[in-house]
């Protein structure tokens, strides 16, 4: 039998991101991503902002599949580095999606710096049939640790301690991270919007 839950298609091939969103939504939505469809285009992220990249992805995928498409562009902003890595977070180490290299470059650039203030920022765009329905954002303030701690999460999670915590996102576990994170905050706005449209 077909699912009675509303379908939400995530415009990503990143299994970590899809899993986080699925965990945060629980059983309210049937969550799928572009890996569940054949022949979808790879979307080049040529935007200079999180909103620009999220919009590109949402529009491109929503033109190819039926249903509401949610895209996410997110990254780490470090005050001492003028907001870098920012929109280049996923390729900061020189290779797209290579988290160890990204973290290694960040640690090298932050060595000896006392200002370790940083934030994760997330922008989400909801689209359908090639039209943007709405956009949402979330941030979480925190600081960079001197070295990575923890095996959970992904990306820069082992290096980032959210405000009010001494441990990294990678140590705090999925339940705590999802309640605090930039993605969790943006997704809460998405859910509130979707609930008004049901």
N, C-alpha and C. Protein backbone atom coordinates (compact mmCIF):
# COMPACT_ATOMS: atom_id res chain seq x y z
N UNK A 1 0.84 -1.19 0.00
CA UNK A 1 0.00 0.00 0.00
C UNK A 1 0.88 1.25 0.00
N UNK A 2 0.47 2.30 -0.71
CA UNK A 2 1.25 3.52 -0.70
C UNK A 2 1.24 4.17 0.68
N UNK A 3 2.33 4.87 0.99
CA UNK A 3 2.42 5.54 2.27
C UNK A 3 1.41 6.68 2.33
N UNK A 4 0.77 6.84 3.52
CA UNK A 4 -0.15 7.96 3.71
C UNK A 4 0.58 9.19 4.21
N UNK A 5 1.86 9.04 4.52
CA UNK A 5 2.64 10.18 4.97
C UNK A 5 2.99 11.07 3.78
N UNK A 6 3.04 12.39 3.95
CA UNK A 6 3.44 13.26 2.85
C UNK A 6 4.89 12.97 2.45
N UNK A 7 5.14 13.02 1.17
CA UNK A 7 6.47 12.76 0.64
C UNK A 7 7.29 14.05 0.64
N UNK A 8 8.52 13.95 1.10
CA UNK A 8 9.45 15.07 1.04
C UNK A 8 10.75 14.55 0.42
N UNK A 9 11.12 15.13 -0.71
CA UNK A 9 12.31 14.68 -1.43
C UNK A 9 13.46 15.64 -1.12
N UNK A 10 14.54 15.11 -0.61
CA UNK A 10 15.69 15.93 -0.25
C UNK A 10 16.64 16.00 -1.45
N UNK A 11 16.99 17.21 -1.84
CA UNK A 11 17.83 17.42 -3.02
C UNK A 11 19.30 17.24 -2.66
N UNK A 12 19.66 16.02 -2.29
CA UNK A 12 21.04 15.73 -1.93
C UNK A 12 21.37 14.28 -2.25
N UNK A 13 22.65 14.02 -2.44
CA UNK A 13 23.16 12.64 -2.52
C UNK A 13 23.94 12.29 -1.26
N UNK A 14 23.95 13.21 -0.30
CA UNK A 14 24.69 13.04 0.95
C UNK A 14 23.84 12.23 1.93
N UNK A 15 24.21 10.97 2.10
CA UNK A 15 23.42 10.08 2.96
C UNK A 15 23.40 10.55 4.41
N UNK A 16 24.48 11.19 4.88
CA UNK A 16 24.51 11.71 6.25
C UNK A 16 23.43 12.77 6.44
N UNK A 17 23.33 13.67 5.46
CA UNK A 17 22.36 14.76 5.55
C UNK A 17 20.93 14.21 5.52
N UNK A 18 20.68 13.27 4.61
CA UNK A 18 19.35 12.66 4.53
C UNK A 18 18.99 11.97 5.83
N UNK A 19 19.94 11.23 6.41
CA UNK A 19 19.67 10.52 7.65
C UNK A 19 19.33 11.50 8.78
N UNK A 20 20.08 12.60 8.87
CA UNK A 20 19.80 13.60 9.91
C UNK A 20 18.39 14.16 9.76
N UNK A 21 18.03 14.51 8.53
CA UNK A 21 16.70 15.08 8.28
C UNK A 21 15.61 14.06 8.60
N UNK A 22 15.84 12.80 8.19
CA UNK A 22 14.87 11.74 8.48
C UNK A 22 14.70 11.55 9.99
N UNK A 23 15.81 11.58 10.73
CA UNK A 23 15.75 11.42 12.18
C UNK A 23 14.98 12.57 12.82
N UNK A 24 15.20 13.78 12.32
CA UNK A 24 14.54 14.94 12.91
C UNK A 24 13.05 14.98 12.60
N UNK A 25 12.66 14.48 11.43
CA UNK A 25 11.24 14.48 11.05
C UNK A 25 10.48 13.31 11.66
N UNK A 26 11.19 12.27 12.06
CA UNK A 26 10.52 11.11 12.62
C UNK A 26 9.62 10.46 11.58
N UNK A 27 8.42 10.06 12.00
CA UNK A 27 7.54 9.35 11.08
C UNK A 27 6.49 10.25 10.45
N UNK A 28 6.68 11.57 10.55
CA UNK A 28 5.68 12.49 10.00
C UNK A 28 5.70 12.55 8.48
N UNK A 29 6.87 12.29 7.89
CA UNK A 29 7.02 12.39 6.44
C UNK A 29 7.76 11.17 5.90
N UNK A 30 7.45 10.85 4.66
CA UNK A 30 8.25 9.86 3.94
C UNK A 30 9.39 10.63 3.29
N UNK A 31 10.61 10.40 3.77
CA UNK A 31 11.77 11.14 3.29
C UNK A 31 12.55 10.31 2.29
N UNK A 32 12.73 10.88 1.11
CA UNK A 32 13.56 10.25 0.08
C UNK A 32 14.58 11.29 -0.39
N UNK A 33 15.60 10.83 -1.12
CA UNK A 33 16.54 11.79 -1.69
C UNK A 33 16.84 11.43 -3.14
N UNK A 34 17.73 12.14 -3.76
CA UNK A 34 17.95 11.94 -5.20
C UNK A 34 18.54 10.56 -5.51
N UNK A 35 19.12 9.91 -4.51
CA UNK A 35 19.62 8.56 -4.73
C UNK A 35 18.51 7.56 -5.02
N UNK A 36 17.27 7.92 -4.66
CA UNK A 36 16.13 7.04 -4.87
C UNK A 36 15.52 7.16 -6.27
N UNK A 37 16.07 8.05 -7.08
CA UNK A 37 15.56 8.29 -8.43
C UNK A 37 16.69 8.10 -9.43
N UNK A 38 16.34 7.61 -10.61
CA UNK A 38 17.38 7.43 -11.62
C UNK A 38 17.37 8.60 -12.60
N UNK A 39 18.56 8.95 -13.07
CA UNK A 39 18.69 9.94 -14.13
C UNK A 39 18.57 11.38 -13.70
N UNK A 40 18.61 11.66 -12.40
CA UNK A 40 18.51 13.05 -11.99
C UNK A 40 19.85 13.76 -12.22
N UNK A 41 19.81 15.03 -12.59
CA UNK A 41 21.05 15.74 -12.90
C UNK A 41 21.88 16.02 -11.66
N UNK A 42 23.19 16.08 -11.85
CA UNK A 42 24.07 16.58 -10.80
C UNK A 42 24.01 18.10 -10.88
N UNK A 43 23.70 18.74 -9.77
CA UNK A 43 23.52 20.19 -9.77
C UNK A 43 24.83 20.85 -9.34
N UNK A 44 25.37 21.68 -10.20
CA UNK A 44 26.60 22.39 -9.89
C UNK A 44 26.27 23.55 -8.96
N UNK A 45 26.95 23.58 -7.82
CA UNK A 45 26.68 24.62 -6.82
C UNK A 45 27.54 25.84 -7.12
N UNK A 46 27.04 26.69 -8.00
CA UNK A 46 27.78 27.87 -8.44
C UNK A 46 27.39 29.13 -7.68
N UNK A 47 26.49 29.02 -6.73
CA UNK A 47 26.06 30.18 -5.96
C UNK A 47 27.15 30.68 -5.03
N UNK A 48 27.06 31.95 -4.68
CA UNK A 48 28.04 32.55 -3.77
C UNK A 48 27.51 32.67 -2.35
N UNK A 49 26.28 32.21 -2.14
CA UNK A 49 25.67 32.22 -0.81
C UNK A 49 25.00 30.87 -0.57
N UNK A 50 24.70 30.58 0.69
CA UNK A 50 23.97 29.36 1.02
C UNK A 50 22.60 29.37 0.34
N UNK A 51 21.93 30.53 0.37
CA UNK A 51 20.62 30.63 -0.27
C UNK A 51 20.71 30.39 -1.77
N UNK A 52 21.74 30.94 -2.39
CA UNK A 52 21.91 30.75 -3.83
C UNK A 52 22.07 29.29 -4.20
N UNK A 53 22.92 28.58 -3.47
CA UNK A 53 23.15 27.17 -3.77
C UNK A 53 21.93 26.32 -3.45
N UNK A 54 21.27 26.61 -2.33
CA UNK A 54 20.07 25.84 -1.98
C UNK A 54 18.97 26.04 -3.02
N UNK A 55 18.85 27.24 -3.54
CA UNK A 55 17.84 27.52 -4.56
C UNK A 55 18.14 26.77 -5.84
N UNK A 56 19.40 26.78 -6.26
CA UNK A 56 19.80 26.05 -7.47
C UNK A 56 19.40 24.58 -7.37
N UNK A 57 19.70 23.96 -6.25
CA UNK A 57 19.42 22.53 -6.07
C UNK A 57 17.93 22.24 -6.02
N UNK A 58 17.19 23.06 -5.28
CA UNK A 58 15.75 22.82 -5.13
C UNK A 58 15.04 22.95 -6.47
N UNK A 59 15.37 23.99 -7.22
CA UNK A 59 14.70 24.21 -8.51
C UNK A 59 15.03 23.11 -9.50
N UNK A 60 16.31 22.74 -9.59
CA UNK A 60 16.73 21.74 -10.57
C UNK A 60 16.05 20.40 -10.32
N UNK A 61 16.02 19.95 -9.08
CA UNK A 61 15.44 18.64 -8.78
C UNK A 61 13.92 18.69 -8.87
N UNK A 62 13.32 19.82 -8.46
CA UNK A 62 11.85 19.89 -8.49
C UNK A 62 11.31 19.92 -9.92
N UNK A 63 12.14 20.25 -10.88
CA UNK A 63 11.70 20.18 -12.28
C UNK A 63 11.69 18.75 -12.80
N UNK A 64 12.33 17.84 -12.09
CA UNK A 64 12.50 16.47 -12.56
C UNK A 64 11.62 15.46 -11.85
N UNK A 65 11.14 15.79 -10.65
CA UNK A 65 10.35 14.83 -9.87
C UNK A 65 9.05 15.48 -9.42
N UNK A 66 8.05 14.64 -9.16
CA UNK A 66 6.76 15.13 -8.66
C UNK A 66 6.80 15.19 -7.15
N UNK A 67 6.34 16.29 -6.60
CA UNK A 67 6.29 16.43 -5.15
C UNK A 67 7.14 17.59 -4.67
N UNK A 68 7.10 17.80 -3.37
CA UNK A 68 7.86 18.90 -2.78
C UNK A 68 9.31 18.47 -2.57
N UNK A 69 10.20 19.36 -2.96
CA UNK A 69 11.64 19.11 -2.87
C UNK A 69 12.24 20.09 -1.87
N UNK A 70 13.04 19.55 -0.96
CA UNK A 70 13.71 20.37 0.04
C UNK A 70 15.22 20.29 -0.19
N UNK A 71 15.85 21.44 -0.34
CA UNK A 71 17.30 21.47 -0.46
C UNK A 71 17.90 22.15 0.75
N UNK A 72 19.16 21.87 0.96
CA UNK A 72 19.87 22.40 2.12
C UNK A 72 21.26 22.79 1.66
N UNK A 73 21.68 23.99 1.99
CA UNK A 73 23.09 24.33 1.83
C UNK A 73 23.54 24.88 3.17
N UNK A 74 24.64 24.38 3.63
CA UNK A 74 25.06 24.74 4.98
C UNK A 74 26.58 24.70 5.07
N UNK A 75 27.09 25.32 6.12
CA UNK A 75 28.53 25.32 6.30
C UNK A 75 28.92 25.98 7.60
N UNK A 76 30.22 26.06 7.77
CA UNK A 76 30.83 26.60 8.98
C UNK A 76 31.41 27.97 8.69
N UNK A 77 31.13 28.92 9.56
CA UNK A 77 31.69 30.26 9.45
C UNK A 77 32.56 30.52 10.68
N UNK A 78 33.82 30.87 10.44
CA UNK A 78 34.77 31.10 11.53
C UNK A 78 35.15 32.58 11.54
N UNK A 79 34.90 33.25 12.66
CA UNK A 79 35.14 34.69 12.74
C UNK A 79 36.59 35.05 12.43
N UNK A 80 37.54 34.31 13.00
CA UNK A 80 38.96 34.63 12.82
C UNK A 80 39.42 34.45 11.38
N UNK A 81 38.64 33.74 10.58
CA UNK A 81 38.98 33.51 9.17
C UNK A 81 38.08 34.33 8.24
N UNK A 82 37.46 35.38 8.79
CA UNK A 82 36.62 36.25 7.97
C UNK A 82 35.37 35.56 7.43
N UNK A 83 34.89 34.56 8.16
CA UNK A 83 33.68 33.85 7.74
C UNK A 83 33.95 32.59 6.94
N UNK A 84 35.21 32.32 6.60
CA UNK A 84 35.56 31.07 5.92
C UNK A 84 35.42 29.91 6.90
N UNK A 85 35.22 28.69 6.41
CA UNK A 85 35.12 28.28 5.01
C UNK A 85 33.80 28.62 4.33
N UNK A 86 32.75 28.95 5.08
CA UNK A 86 31.50 29.42 4.48
C UNK A 86 30.93 28.50 3.43
N UNK A 87 30.55 29.08 2.27
CA UNK A 87 29.92 28.26 1.23
C UNK A 87 30.89 27.23 0.65
N UNK A 88 32.18 27.39 0.92
CA UNK A 88 33.16 26.41 0.45
C UNK A 88 33.48 25.35 1.48
N UNK A 89 32.64 25.19 2.48
CA UNK A 89 32.93 24.28 3.59
C UNK A 89 33.20 22.84 3.14
N UNK A 90 32.42 22.34 2.20
CA UNK A 90 32.54 20.92 1.84
C UNK A 90 33.78 20.62 1.00
N UNK A 91 34.44 21.65 0.47
CA UNK A 91 35.64 21.41 -0.35
C UNK A 91 36.83 22.22 0.16
N UNK A 92 36.80 22.59 1.41
CA UNK A 92 37.81 23.49 1.98
C UNK A 92 39.22 22.90 1.91
N UNK A 93 39.31 21.59 2.03
CA UNK A 93 40.61 20.94 2.00
C UNK A 93 41.10 20.64 0.60
N UNK A 94 40.34 21.02 -0.42
CA UNK A 94 40.76 20.84 -1.81
C UNK A 94 40.06 19.72 -2.55
N UNK A 95 39.26 18.94 -1.83
CA UNK A 95 38.55 17.82 -2.47
C UNK A 95 37.13 17.76 -1.90
N UNK A 96 36.14 17.81 -2.76
CA UNK A 96 34.74 17.83 -2.34
C UNK A 96 34.41 16.65 -1.43
N UNK A 97 33.87 16.97 -0.26
CA UNK A 97 33.40 15.93 0.65
C UNK A 97 34.47 15.18 1.42
N UNK A 98 35.74 15.64 1.35
CA UNK A 98 36.80 14.96 2.08
C UNK A 98 36.91 15.60 3.47
N UNK A 99 36.15 15.05 4.42
CA UNK A 99 36.07 15.66 5.74
C UNK A 99 37.41 15.71 6.48
N UNK A 100 38.23 14.64 6.44
CA UNK A 100 39.52 14.72 7.13
C UNK A 100 40.41 15.85 6.58
N UNK A 101 40.42 16.03 5.27
CA UNK A 101 41.24 17.11 4.70
C UNK A 101 40.68 18.48 5.05
N UNK A 102 39.36 18.60 5.03
CA UNK A 102 38.75 19.87 5.42
C UNK A 102 39.12 20.23 6.86
N UNK A 103 39.00 19.25 7.75
CA UNK A 103 39.31 19.48 9.16
C UNK A 103 40.79 19.79 9.37
N UNK A 104 41.65 19.09 8.62
CA UNK A 104 43.09 19.32 8.75
C UNK A 104 43.45 20.74 8.34
N UNK A 105 42.89 21.23 7.24
CA UNK A 105 43.19 22.60 6.82
C UNK A 105 42.67 23.60 7.86
N UNK A 106 41.48 23.36 8.36
CA UNK A 106 40.91 24.28 9.35
C UNK A 106 41.77 24.32 10.60
N UNK A 107 42.21 23.16 11.09
CA UNK A 107 43.06 23.13 12.29
C UNK A 107 44.38 23.86 12.04
N UNK A 108 44.95 23.68 10.85
CA UNK A 108 46.21 24.35 10.53
C UNK A 108 46.04 25.86 10.52
N UNK A 109 44.94 26.33 9.95
CA UNK A 109 44.72 27.77 9.85
C UNK A 109 44.36 28.39 11.20
N UNK A 110 43.83 27.58 12.10
CA UNK A 110 43.43 28.10 13.41
C UNK A 110 44.50 27.89 14.48
N UNK A 111 45.60 27.25 14.13
CA UNK A 111 46.66 26.97 15.11
C UNK A 111 47.16 28.27 15.74
N UNK A 112 47.16 28.32 17.06
CA UNK A 112 47.67 29.47 17.78
C UNK A 112 46.71 30.64 17.90
N UNK A 113 45.53 30.55 17.32
CA UNK A 113 44.57 31.66 17.39
C UNK A 113 43.71 31.53 18.64
N UNK A 114 43.51 32.65 19.31
CA UNK A 114 42.70 32.63 20.53
C UNK A 114 41.22 32.86 20.24
N UNK A 115 40.91 33.61 19.17
CA UNK A 115 39.51 33.84 18.80
C UNK A 115 39.01 32.61 18.06
N UNK A 116 38.21 31.81 18.73
CA UNK A 116 37.75 30.56 18.15
C UNK A 116 36.23 30.54 17.93
N UNK A 117 35.62 31.72 17.94
CA UNK A 117 34.18 31.81 17.73
C UNK A 117 33.82 31.36 16.32
N UNK A 118 32.75 30.58 16.24
CA UNK A 118 32.31 30.05 14.94
C UNK A 118 30.83 29.73 15.02
N UNK A 119 30.25 29.51 13.86
CA UNK A 119 28.84 29.12 13.82
C UNK A 119 28.61 28.22 12.62
N UNK A 120 27.65 27.33 12.76
CA UNK A 120 27.12 26.59 11.63
C UNK A 120 25.89 27.35 11.13
N UNK A 121 25.79 27.49 9.82
CA UNK A 121 24.64 28.16 9.22
C UNK A 121 24.02 27.23 8.19
N UNK A 122 22.70 27.19 8.16
CA UNK A 122 21.98 26.34 7.21
C UNK A 122 20.86 27.16 6.57
N UNK A 123 20.74 27.03 5.26
CA UNK A 123 19.61 27.60 4.54
C UNK A 123 18.92 26.47 3.79
N UNK A 124 17.61 26.41 3.92
CA UNK A 124 16.81 25.40 3.23
C UNK A 124 15.83 26.09 2.28
N UNK A 125 15.61 25.48 1.13
CA UNK A 125 14.67 26.00 0.15
C UNK A 125 13.70 24.88 -0.21
N UNK A 126 12.43 25.19 -0.20
CA UNK A 126 11.38 24.25 -0.56
C UNK A 126 10.84 24.67 -1.93
N UNK A 127 10.79 23.71 -2.85
CA UNK A 127 10.33 24.00 -4.21
C UNK A 127 9.41 22.89 -4.69
N UNK A 128 8.62 23.22 -5.70
CA UNK A 128 7.74 22.24 -6.34
C UNK A 128 7.52 22.68 -7.79
N UNK A 129 7.70 21.73 -8.69
CA UNK A 129 7.45 21.96 -10.12
C UNK A 129 8.22 23.18 -10.65
N UNK A 130 9.47 23.31 -10.21
CA UNK A 130 10.31 24.38 -10.73
C UNK A 130 10.03 25.75 -10.16
N UNK A 131 9.31 25.82 -9.04
CA UNK A 131 9.02 27.11 -8.41
C UNK A 131 9.39 27.04 -6.93
N UNK A 132 10.03 28.10 -6.44
CA UNK A 132 10.35 28.19 -5.02
C UNK A 132 9.09 28.48 -4.23
N UNK A 133 8.85 27.69 -3.19
CA UNK A 133 7.70 27.90 -2.31
C UNK A 133 8.07 28.79 -1.13
N UNK A 134 9.26 28.55 -0.56
CA UNK A 134 9.69 29.31 0.61
C UNK A 134 11.15 28.97 0.92
N UNK A 135 11.79 29.82 1.71
CA UNK A 135 13.14 29.50 2.19
C UNK A 135 13.20 29.73 3.70
N UNK A 136 14.14 29.04 4.33
CA UNK A 136 14.23 28.99 5.79
C UNK A 136 15.71 28.98 6.18
N UNK A 137 16.00 29.42 7.40
CA UNK A 137 17.39 29.41 7.82
C UNK A 137 17.51 29.10 9.30
N UNK A 138 18.69 28.62 9.67
CA UNK A 138 18.98 28.33 11.06
C UNK A 138 20.46 28.46 11.32
N UNK A 139 20.83 28.92 12.51
CA UNK A 139 22.24 29.00 12.88
C UNK A 139 22.41 28.46 14.30
N UNK A 140 23.63 28.02 14.58
CA UNK A 140 23.99 27.65 15.95
C UNK A 140 25.40 28.21 16.21
N UNK A 141 25.49 29.01 17.26
CA UNK A 141 26.78 29.60 17.63
C UNK A 141 27.58 28.61 18.47
N UNK A 142 28.90 28.79 18.44
CA UNK A 142 29.75 27.93 19.23
C UNK A 142 31.20 28.33 19.08
N UNK A 143 32.08 27.35 19.28
CA UNK A 143 33.52 27.63 19.17
C UNK A 143 34.23 26.40 18.64
N UNK A 144 35.40 26.65 18.05
CA UNK A 144 36.22 25.57 17.53
C UNK A 144 37.12 25.03 18.62
N UNK A 145 37.20 23.72 18.68
CA UNK A 145 38.11 23.06 19.62
C UNK A 145 39.51 22.99 19.01
N UNK A 146 40.50 22.74 19.86
CA UNK A 146 41.88 22.69 19.38
C UNK A 146 42.15 21.46 18.52
N UNK A 147 41.42 20.40 18.77
CA UNK A 147 41.59 19.15 18.03
C UNK A 147 40.24 18.43 17.98
N UNK A 148 40.08 17.48 17.06
CA UNK A 148 38.79 16.81 16.94
C UNK A 148 38.51 15.85 18.09
N UNK A 149 37.24 15.80 18.49
CA UNK A 149 36.79 14.89 19.54
C UNK A 149 35.49 14.23 19.10
N UNK A 150 35.41 12.91 19.30
CA UNK A 150 34.18 12.18 19.04
C UNK A 150 34.13 11.55 17.67
N UNK A 151 33.32 10.52 17.56
CA UNK A 151 33.21 9.76 16.31
C UNK A 151 31.85 9.91 15.65
N UNK A 152 30.94 10.66 16.27
CA UNK A 152 29.61 10.81 15.71
C UNK A 152 29.55 11.93 14.70
N UNK A 153 28.38 12.12 14.11
CA UNK A 153 28.17 13.22 13.18
C UNK A 153 29.00 13.07 11.92
N UNK A 154 29.27 14.20 11.28
CA UNK A 154 30.10 14.20 10.07
C UNK A 154 30.62 15.61 9.85
N UNK A 155 31.48 15.76 8.87
CA UNK A 155 32.01 17.08 8.54
C UNK A 155 32.84 17.66 9.67
N UNK A 156 32.54 18.89 10.05
CA UNK A 156 33.30 19.59 11.08
C UNK A 156 32.80 19.30 12.49
N UNK A 157 31.84 18.39 12.64
CA UNK A 157 31.25 18.11 13.95
C UNK A 157 32.29 17.82 15.05
N UNK A 158 33.38 17.08 14.77
CA UNK A 158 34.34 16.80 15.84
C UNK A 158 35.10 18.03 16.35
N UNK A 159 35.08 19.11 15.57
CA UNK A 159 35.82 20.32 15.94
C UNK A 159 34.95 21.42 16.53
N UNK A 160 33.63 21.23 16.53
CA UNK A 160 32.72 22.31 16.91
C UNK A 160 31.97 21.99 18.18
N UNK A 161 32.12 22.87 19.18
CA UNK A 161 31.35 22.75 20.43
C UNK A 161 30.28 23.83 20.43
N UNK A 162 28.99 23.46 20.46
CA UNK A 162 27.93 24.46 20.45
C UNK A 162 27.91 25.25 21.76
N UNK A 163 27.40 26.45 21.68
CA UNK A 163 27.30 27.34 22.84
C UNK A 163 26.62 26.62 24.00
N UNK A 164 27.23 26.74 25.17
CA UNK A 164 26.66 26.11 26.35
C UNK A 164 27.15 24.69 26.60
N UNK A 165 28.01 24.19 25.71
CA UNK A 165 28.52 22.82 25.84
C UNK A 165 30.04 22.81 25.72
N UNK A 166 30.66 21.90 26.43
CA UNK A 166 32.11 21.74 26.36
C UNK A 166 32.50 20.68 25.34
N UNK A 167 31.57 19.80 25.03
CA UNK A 167 31.88 18.70 24.11
C UNK A 167 31.47 19.04 22.69
N UNK A 168 32.08 18.35 21.74
CA UNK A 168 31.80 18.60 20.32
C UNK A 168 30.47 17.98 19.90
N UNK A 169 29.96 18.45 18.76
CA UNK A 169 28.76 17.83 18.20
C UNK A 169 28.97 16.34 17.99
N UNK A 170 30.18 15.94 17.64
CA UNK A 170 30.46 14.52 17.39
C UNK A 170 30.41 13.70 18.66
N UNK A 171 30.57 14.35 19.81
CA UNK A 171 30.49 13.65 21.10
C UNK A 171 29.09 13.68 21.71
N UNK A 172 28.31 14.69 21.36
CA UNK A 172 27.03 14.90 22.04
C UNK A 172 25.95 13.92 21.62
N UNK A 173 26.11 13.29 20.47
CA UNK A 173 25.14 12.31 20.00
C UNK A 173 24.06 12.95 19.15
N UNK A 174 23.41 12.13 18.33
CA UNK A 174 22.46 12.62 17.34
C UNK A 174 21.29 13.35 17.96
N UNK A 175 20.76 12.84 19.07
CA UNK A 175 19.55 13.45 19.65
C UNK A 175 19.84 14.88 20.12
N UNK A 176 20.96 15.07 20.81
CA UNK A 176 21.32 16.40 21.29
C UNK A 176 21.68 17.30 20.13
N UNK A 177 22.49 16.78 19.22
CA UNK A 177 22.88 17.60 18.07
C UNK A 177 21.67 18.06 17.27
N UNK A 178 20.76 17.15 16.97
CA UNK A 178 19.60 17.51 16.16
C UNK A 178 18.71 18.55 16.82
N UNK A 179 18.69 18.54 18.15
CA UNK A 179 17.88 19.53 18.88
C UNK A 179 18.51 20.91 18.85
N UNK A 180 19.83 20.97 18.72
CA UNK A 180 20.55 22.24 18.79
C UNK A 180 20.98 22.78 17.43
N UNK A 181 21.10 21.92 16.45
CA UNK A 181 21.85 22.26 15.25
C UNK A 181 21.18 23.28 14.34
N UNK A 182 21.99 23.87 13.49
CA UNK A 182 21.53 24.79 12.46
C UNK A 182 20.51 24.12 11.55
N UNK A 183 20.77 22.86 11.20
CA UNK A 183 19.85 22.13 10.33
C UNK A 183 18.54 21.85 11.05
N UNK A 184 18.63 21.49 12.33
CA UNK A 184 17.43 21.25 13.11
C UNK A 184 16.57 22.49 13.23
N UNK A 185 17.20 23.64 13.41
CA UNK A 185 16.46 24.89 13.56
C UNK A 185 15.80 25.30 12.24
N UNK A 186 16.52 25.13 11.14
CA UNK A 186 15.92 25.45 9.84
C UNK A 186 14.78 24.48 9.53
N UNK A 187 14.98 23.21 9.86
CA UNK A 187 13.96 22.21 9.56
C UNK A 187 12.70 22.44 10.39
N UNK A 188 12.86 22.93 11.59
CA UNK A 188 11.68 23.24 12.41
C UNK A 188 10.83 24.30 11.72
N UNK A 189 11.47 25.27 11.07
CA UNK A 189 10.73 26.29 10.31
C UNK A 189 10.03 25.66 9.10
N UNK A 190 10.73 24.72 8.44
CA UNK A 190 10.13 24.03 7.29
C UNK A 190 8.87 23.29 7.73
N UNK A 191 8.97 22.53 8.82
CA UNK A 191 7.84 21.74 9.30
C UNK A 191 6.66 22.65 9.67
N UNK A 192 6.96 23.76 10.34
CA UNK A 192 5.89 24.68 10.70
C UNK A 192 5.17 25.20 9.46
N UNK A 193 5.94 25.50 8.41
CA UNK A 193 5.36 25.98 7.16
C UNK A 193 4.52 24.89 6.50
N UNK A 194 5.07 23.66 6.45
CA UNK A 194 4.35 22.56 5.82
C UNK A 194 3.05 22.25 6.54
N UNK A 195 3.06 22.36 7.86
CA UNK A 195 1.85 22.04 8.63
C UNK A 195 0.72 23.02 8.31
N UNK A 196 1.06 24.22 7.91
CA UNK A 196 0.01 25.20 7.56
C UNK A 196 -0.55 24.93 6.16
N UNK A 197 0.14 24.07 5.37
CA UNK A 197 -0.28 23.84 3.99
C UNK A 197 -0.94 22.48 3.79
N UNK A 198 -1.06 21.72 4.84
CA UNK A 198 -1.61 20.36 4.70
C UNK A 198 -3.12 20.40 4.52
